C-alpha atoms as a PDB file:
ATOM      1  CA  MET A   1      33.030  32.918   9.472  1.00  0.00           C
ATOM      2  CA  ALA A   2      29.386  33.749   9.842  1.00  0.00           C
ATOM      3  CA  PHE A   3      30.644  37.267   8.315  1.00  0.00           C
ATOM      4  CA  LYS A   4      32.734  36.239   5.346  1.00  0.00           C
ATOM      5  CA  ARG A   5      29.664  33.872   4.693  1.00  0.00           C
ATOM      6  CA  TYR A   6      27.220  37.036   4.705  1.00  0.00           C
ATOM      7  CA  LEU A   7      29.434  39.546   3.072  1.00  0.00           C
ATOM      8  CA  LYS A   8      29.742  36.608   0.357  1.00  0.00           C
ATOM      9  CA  ASN A   9      25.920  36.346   0.177  1.00  0.00           C
ATOM     10  CA  TRP A  10      25.679  40.271   0.011  1.00  0.00           C
ATOM     11  CA  SER A  11      24.457  41.753  -3.102  1.00  0.00           C
ATOM     12  CA  ASP A  12      23.014  44.689  -4.824  1.00  0.00           C
ATOM     13  CA  ASP A  13      20.105  42.508  -5.793  1.00  0.00           C
ATOM     14  CA  PHE A  14      19.746  41.257  -2.105  1.00  0.00           C
ATOM     15  CA  PHE A  15      19.159  45.150  -0.890  1.00  0.00           C
ATOM     16  CA  GLU A  16      17.074  45.861  -4.040  1.00  0.00           C
ATOM     17  CA  ASP A  17      14.823  42.836  -3.173  1.00  0.00           C
ATOM     18  CA  ILE A  18      14.166  44.459   0.248  1.00  0.00           C
ATOM     19  CA  GLU A  19      13.824  47.771  -0.516  1.00  0.00           C
ATOM     20  CA  GLN A  20      11.304  47.022  -3.060  1.00  0.00           C
ATOM     21  CA  ASP A  21       9.382  45.210  -0.372  1.00  0.00           C
ATOM     22  CA  TYR A  22       9.840  48.357   1.650  1.00  0.00           C
ATOM     23  CA  GLU A  23       8.540  50.743  -1.002  1.00  0.00           C
ATOM     24  CA  GLU A  24       5.254  48.269  -1.571  1.00  0.00           C
ATOM     25  CA  CYS A  25       4.399  48.085   2.032  1.00  0.00           C
ATOM     26  CA  GLN A  26       5.364  52.071   2.226  1.00  0.00           C
ATOM     27  CA  SER A  27       2.625  52.244  -0.673  1.00  0.00           C
ATOM     28  CA  GLU A  28       0.134  50.081   0.862  1.00  0.00           C
ATOM     29  CA  ILE A  29       0.331  52.167   4.376  1.00  0.00           C
ATOM     30  CA  MET A  30      -0.224  55.391   2.455  1.00  0.00           C
ATOM     31  CA  ASP A  31      -3.661  54.346   0.787  1.00  0.00           C
ATOM     32  CA  ILE A  32      -4.792  52.958   3.798  1.00  0.00           C
ATOM     33  CA  VAL A  33      -4.197  56.168   5.761  1.00  0.00           C
ATOM     34  CA  GLU A  34      -5.074  58.480   2.827  1.00  0.00           C
ATOM     35  CA  SER A  35      -8.556  56.489   2.351  1.00  0.00           C
ATOM     36  CA  ASN A  36      -9.349  55.983   6.129  1.00  0.00           C
ATOM     37  CA  ALA A  37      -9.829  52.243   5.301  1.00  0.00           C
ATOM     38  CA  LEU A  38     -10.688  51.183   9.085  1.00  0.00           C
ATOM     39  CA  GLU A  39     -11.075  47.618   7.630  1.00  0.00           C
ATOM     40  CA  LYS A  40      -7.894  47.206   6.646  1.00  0.00           C
ATOM     41  CA  ASP A  41      -6.051  48.989   9.266  1.00  0.00           C
ATOM     42  CA  HIS A  42      -4.740  45.638  10.796  1.00  0.00           C
ATOM     43  CA  ILE A  43      -2.152  45.443   7.601  1.00  0.00           C
ATOM     44  CA  LEU A  44      -0.692  48.423   9.392  1.00  0.00           C
ATOM     45  CA  LEU A  45       0.831  46.314  11.911  1.00  0.00           C
ATOM     46  CA  VAL A  46       1.563  43.131   9.324  1.00  0.00           C
ATOM     47  CA  ASP A  47       3.838  45.429   7.294  1.00  0.00           C
ATOM     48  CA  LEU A  48       5.909  46.477  10.146  1.00  0.00           C
ATOM     49  CA  ASP A  49       8.093  43.308   9.518  1.00  0.00           C
ATOM     50  CA  PRO A  50       9.371  44.597   5.827  1.00  0.00           C
ATOM     51  CA  ILE A  51       9.914  47.895   7.243  1.00  0.00           C
ATOM     52  CA  ALA A  52      11.938  46.355  10.256  1.00  0.00           C
ATOM     53  CA  LEU A  53      13.963  44.530   7.585  1.00  0.00           C
ATOM     54  CA  TYR A  54      14.819  47.275   5.452  1.00  0.00           C
ATOM     55  CA  TYR A  55      16.402  49.362   8.374  1.00  0.00           C
ATOM     56  CA  LEU A  56      18.359  46.134   9.227  1.00  0.00           C
ATOM     57  CA  SER A  57      19.622  45.680   6.193  1.00  0.00           C
ATOM     58  CA  LYS A  58      20.365  49.413   5.730  1.00  0.00           C
ATOM     59  CA  TRP A  59      22.175  49.066   9.075  1.00  0.00           C
ATOM     60  CA  LYS A  60      24.025  45.952   8.002  1.00  0.00           C
ATOM     61  CA  ASN A  61      25.228  47.478   4.593  1.00  0.00           C
ATOM     62  CA  GLU A  62      26.373  50.825   6.725  1.00  0.00           C
ATOM     63  CA  VAL A  63      28.365  48.907   9.267  1.00  0.00           C
ATOM     64  CA  LEU A  64      29.372  45.555   7.938  1.00  0.00           C
ATOM     65  CA  ILE A  65      29.797  45.843   4.281  1.00  0.00           C
ATOM     66  CA  ASN A  66      30.793  49.743   4.138  1.00  0.00           C
ATOM     67  CA  GLY A  67      32.811  49.627   7.266  1.00  0.00           C
ATOM     68  CA  GLY A  68      30.657  52.697   9.331  1.00  0.00           C
ATOM     69  CA  ASN A  69      29.575  52.999  12.575  1.00  0.00           C
ATOM     70  CA  SER A  70      26.278  54.785  12.281  1.00  0.00           C
ATOM     71  CA  ILE A  71      23.526  53.484  14.874  1.00  0.00           C
ATOM     72  CA  GLU A  72      20.583  55.237  13.048  1.00  0.00           C
ATOM     73  CA  GLU A  73      19.111  52.453  11.193  1.00  0.00           C
ATOM     74  CA  LEU A  74      19.402  50.188  14.058  1.00  0.00           C
ATOM     75  CA  LYS A  75      17.531  52.713  16.466  1.00  0.00           C
ATOM     76  CA  LYS A  76      15.101  52.478  13.782  1.00  0.00           C
ATOM     77  CA  VAL A  77      14.507  48.789  13.796  1.00  0.00           C
ATOM     78  CA  GLN A  78      13.861  49.028  17.507  1.00  0.00           C
ATOM     79  CA  MET A  79      11.306  51.559  17.120  1.00  0.00           C
ATOM     80  CA  VAL A  80       9.259  49.210  14.814  1.00  0.00           C
ATOM     81  CA  VAL A  81       9.341  46.537  17.239  1.00  0.00           C
ATOM     82  CA  PHE A  82       8.042  49.309  19.935  1.00  0.00           C
ATOM     83  CA  TYR A  83       5.462  50.375  17.416  1.00  0.00           C
ATOM     84  CA  GLN A  84       4.313  46.274  17.215  1.00  0.00           C
ATOM     85  CA  CYS A  85       4.072  46.082  20.419  1.00  0.00           C
ATOM     86  CA  MET A  86       2.238  49.177  21.081  1.00  0.00           C
ATOM     87  CA  GLY A  87      -0.286  48.487  18.003  1.00  0.00           C
ATOM     88  CA  GLN A  88      -0.869  45.075  19.035  1.00  0.00           C
ATOM     89  CA  ASP A  89      -1.916  46.232  22.186  1.00  0.00           C
ATOM     90  CA  LEU A  90      -4.502  48.972  20.715  1.00  0.00           C
ATOM     91  CA  TYR A  91      -5.869  46.261  18.243  1.00  0.00           C
ATOM     92  CA  LYS A  92      -6.238  43.439  20.698  1.00  0.00           C
ATOM     93  CA  ILE A  93      -9.808  44.217  21.417  1.00  0.00           C
ATOM     94  CA  ARG A  94     -10.730  44.599  17.793  1.00  0.00           C
ATOM     95  CA  TYR A  95      -8.588  41.378  16.894  1.00  0.00           C
ATOM     96  CA  PRO A  96      -8.159  38.995  19.677  1.00  0.00           C
ATOM     97  CA  GLU A  97      -6.969  36.325  17.923  1.00  0.00           C
ATOM     98  CA  MET A  98      -4.370  38.077  15.962  1.00  0.00           C
ATOM     99  CA  ARG A  99      -0.932  36.426  15.873  1.00  0.00           C
ATOM    100  CA  THR A 100       1.900  38.777  17.015  1.00  0.00           C
ATOM    101  CA  ARG A 101       4.416  39.705  14.687  1.00  0.00           C
ATOM    102  CA  TYR A 102       7.143  40.053  17.164  1.00  0.00           C
ATOM    103  CA  THR A 103       9.133  37.371  19.270  1.00  0.00           C
ATOM    104  CA  PHE A 104       9.795  37.449  22.627  1.00  0.00           C
ATOM    105  CA  LYS A 105      13.433  37.671  21.854  1.00  0.00           C
ATOM    106  CA  ASP A 106      12.967  40.866  19.555  1.00  0.00           C
ATOM    107  CA  VAL A 107      11.159  42.645  22.723  1.00  0.00           C
ATOM    108  CA  ILE A 108      14.160  41.725  25.069  1.00  0.00           C
ATOM    109  CA  ALA A 109      16.610  43.022  22.548  1.00  0.00           C
ATOM    110  CA  ALA A 110      14.310  46.220  21.745  1.00  0.00           C
ATOM    111  CA  LEU A 111      14.316  46.833  25.785  1.00  0.00           C
ATOM    112  CA  ILE A 112      17.929  46.513  26.118  1.00  0.00           C
ATOM    113  CA  HIS A 113      18.388  48.632  23.046  1.00  0.00           C
ATOM    114  CA  PHE A 114      16.541  51.614  24.733  1.00  0.00           C
ATOM    115  CA  THR A 115      18.582  51.138  27.893  1.00  0.00           C
ATOM    116  CA  MET A 116      21.965  52.004  25.879  1.00  0.00           C
ATOM    117  CA  PHE A 117      20.400  54.647  23.659  1.00  0.00           C
ATOM    118  CA  GLY A 118      19.316  55.976  26.924  1.00  0.00           C
ATOM    119  CA  TRP A 119      15.660  56.383  25.717  1.00  0.00           C
ATOM    120  CA  GLU A 120      14.059  56.387  29.340  1.00  0.00           C
ATOM    121  CA  ARG A 121      10.492  56.828  28.944  1.00  0.00           C
ATOM    122  CA  GLU A 122      10.268  53.886  26.045  1.00  0.00           C
ATOM    123  CA  GLU A 123      12.122  51.884  28.386  1.00  0.00           C
ATOM    124  CA  THR A 124       9.719  52.591  31.133  1.00  0.00           C
ATOM    125  CA  ILE A 125       6.679  52.027  28.822  1.00  0.00           C
ATOM    126  CA  PHE A 126       8.038  48.954  27.092  1.00  0.00           C
ATOM    127  CA  PHE A 127       9.180  47.372  30.351  1.00  0.00           C
ATOM    128  CA  ASP A 128       5.723  47.935  31.855  1.00  0.00           C
ATOM    129  CA  PHE A 129       4.110  46.656  28.123  1.00  0.00           C
ATOM    130  CA  ILE A 130       5.994  43.397  29.055  1.00  0.00           C
ATOM    131  CA  LYS A 131       5.040  43.331  32.686  1.00  0.00           C
ATOM    132  CA  GLU A 132       1.428  43.716  31.852  1.00  0.00           C
ATOM    133  CA  HIS A 133       1.202  40.864  28.850  1.00  0.00           C
ATOM    134  CA  LEU A 134       3.984  38.575  29.608  1.00  0.00           C
ATOM    135  CA  GLY A 135       1.876  35.504  29.066  1.00  0.00           C
ATOM    136  CA  ASP A 136      -0.801  36.491  27.347  1.00  0.00           C
ATOM    137  CA  ASN A 137      -1.524  36.482  23.415  1.00  0.00           C
ATOM    138  CA  ILE A 138       0.307  39.814  22.941  1.00  0.00           C
ATOM    139  CA  MET A 139       3.583  38.762  24.752  1.00  0.00           C
ATOM    140  CA  GLU A 140       3.651  35.057  24.506  1.00  0.00           C
ATOM    141  CA  ALA A 141       6.994  33.553  25.886  1.00  0.00           C
ATOM    142  CA  ASP A 142       6.353  29.922  24.806  1.00  0.00           C
ATOM    143  CA  GLU A 143       9.051  29.887  22.187  1.00  0.00           C
ATOM    144  CA  SER A 144      12.624  28.613  21.838  1.00  0.00           C
ATOM    145  CA  ASP A 145      13.989  32.267  23.432  1.00  0.00           C
ATOM    146  CA  LYS A 146      11.971  32.343  26.579  1.00  0.00           C
ATOM    147  CA  HIS A 147      14.975  31.628  28.801  1.00  0.00           C
ATOM    148  CA  ILE A 148      16.073  34.873  27.869  1.00  0.00           C
END
């Protein structure tokens, strides 16, 4: 039932909106990087959400709508979660009160995908990150999915 509802709600306009958000974020990120605007560097973390949504939507379109079997876009979604966590860890000194842009569930799902993809190096780095930060403001588990 969920798939039928998803298929019914999917439209080219829906994906075009997501793609437009992605392109705006990409442009903003490029402007920050090219101008070396350090006072705006925190935006790089915030702008990763639309990027993850864009790749997730591309994967859903490929697999669910078009019946394909590629996992390349799904891999990119998991990489975005990894970059969010690693970036958040780097920014914790400069922005100690910054709220995370990922959930505990997202992180655990990414770790599982790293294992499935055979990305041993990233899996080890990510697992160590989780162990080190579980419970602090970088990796809060006080949410509805903490039983994971």
